[in-house]
């Protein structure tokens, strides 16, 4: 796991919908190399955007912006508790505020950012 030596900025992400999934710790082989990964929760959230109408076709193309927010967990049980906390809030469309760094594009083309589990207030539950 990466260790932050100095933190001089963070970005805030407001999430009002999405799905949660758990990844349990394990090992994967990528390009012939074994890679170990830890337990985590991913919140997958999407913005759908219509572009301006193309004058030639008269159609506005629709595109998706998909962001994977990754919350690192010590145990699968902790990941389960996080999902059980976040799922009802996401289903209700309540804003959840995550803090993290810059998103990066993974080799599979997805965009991911590691975020901290937010401290939820009683009004968020």
Foldseek 3Di string as FASTA:
>chain_A
DDDDPDDDDKDKDKAQAFAKDKDAWDWDADPNDIDTDHIKMKGKGKDKDWAPQDPVVRGTDIDIQIEIEIEGDHHVVVNVVLNVVVVVLNVVRHIDMWMWHDWDQDPVRHIYTYTYHDDDDPVSD
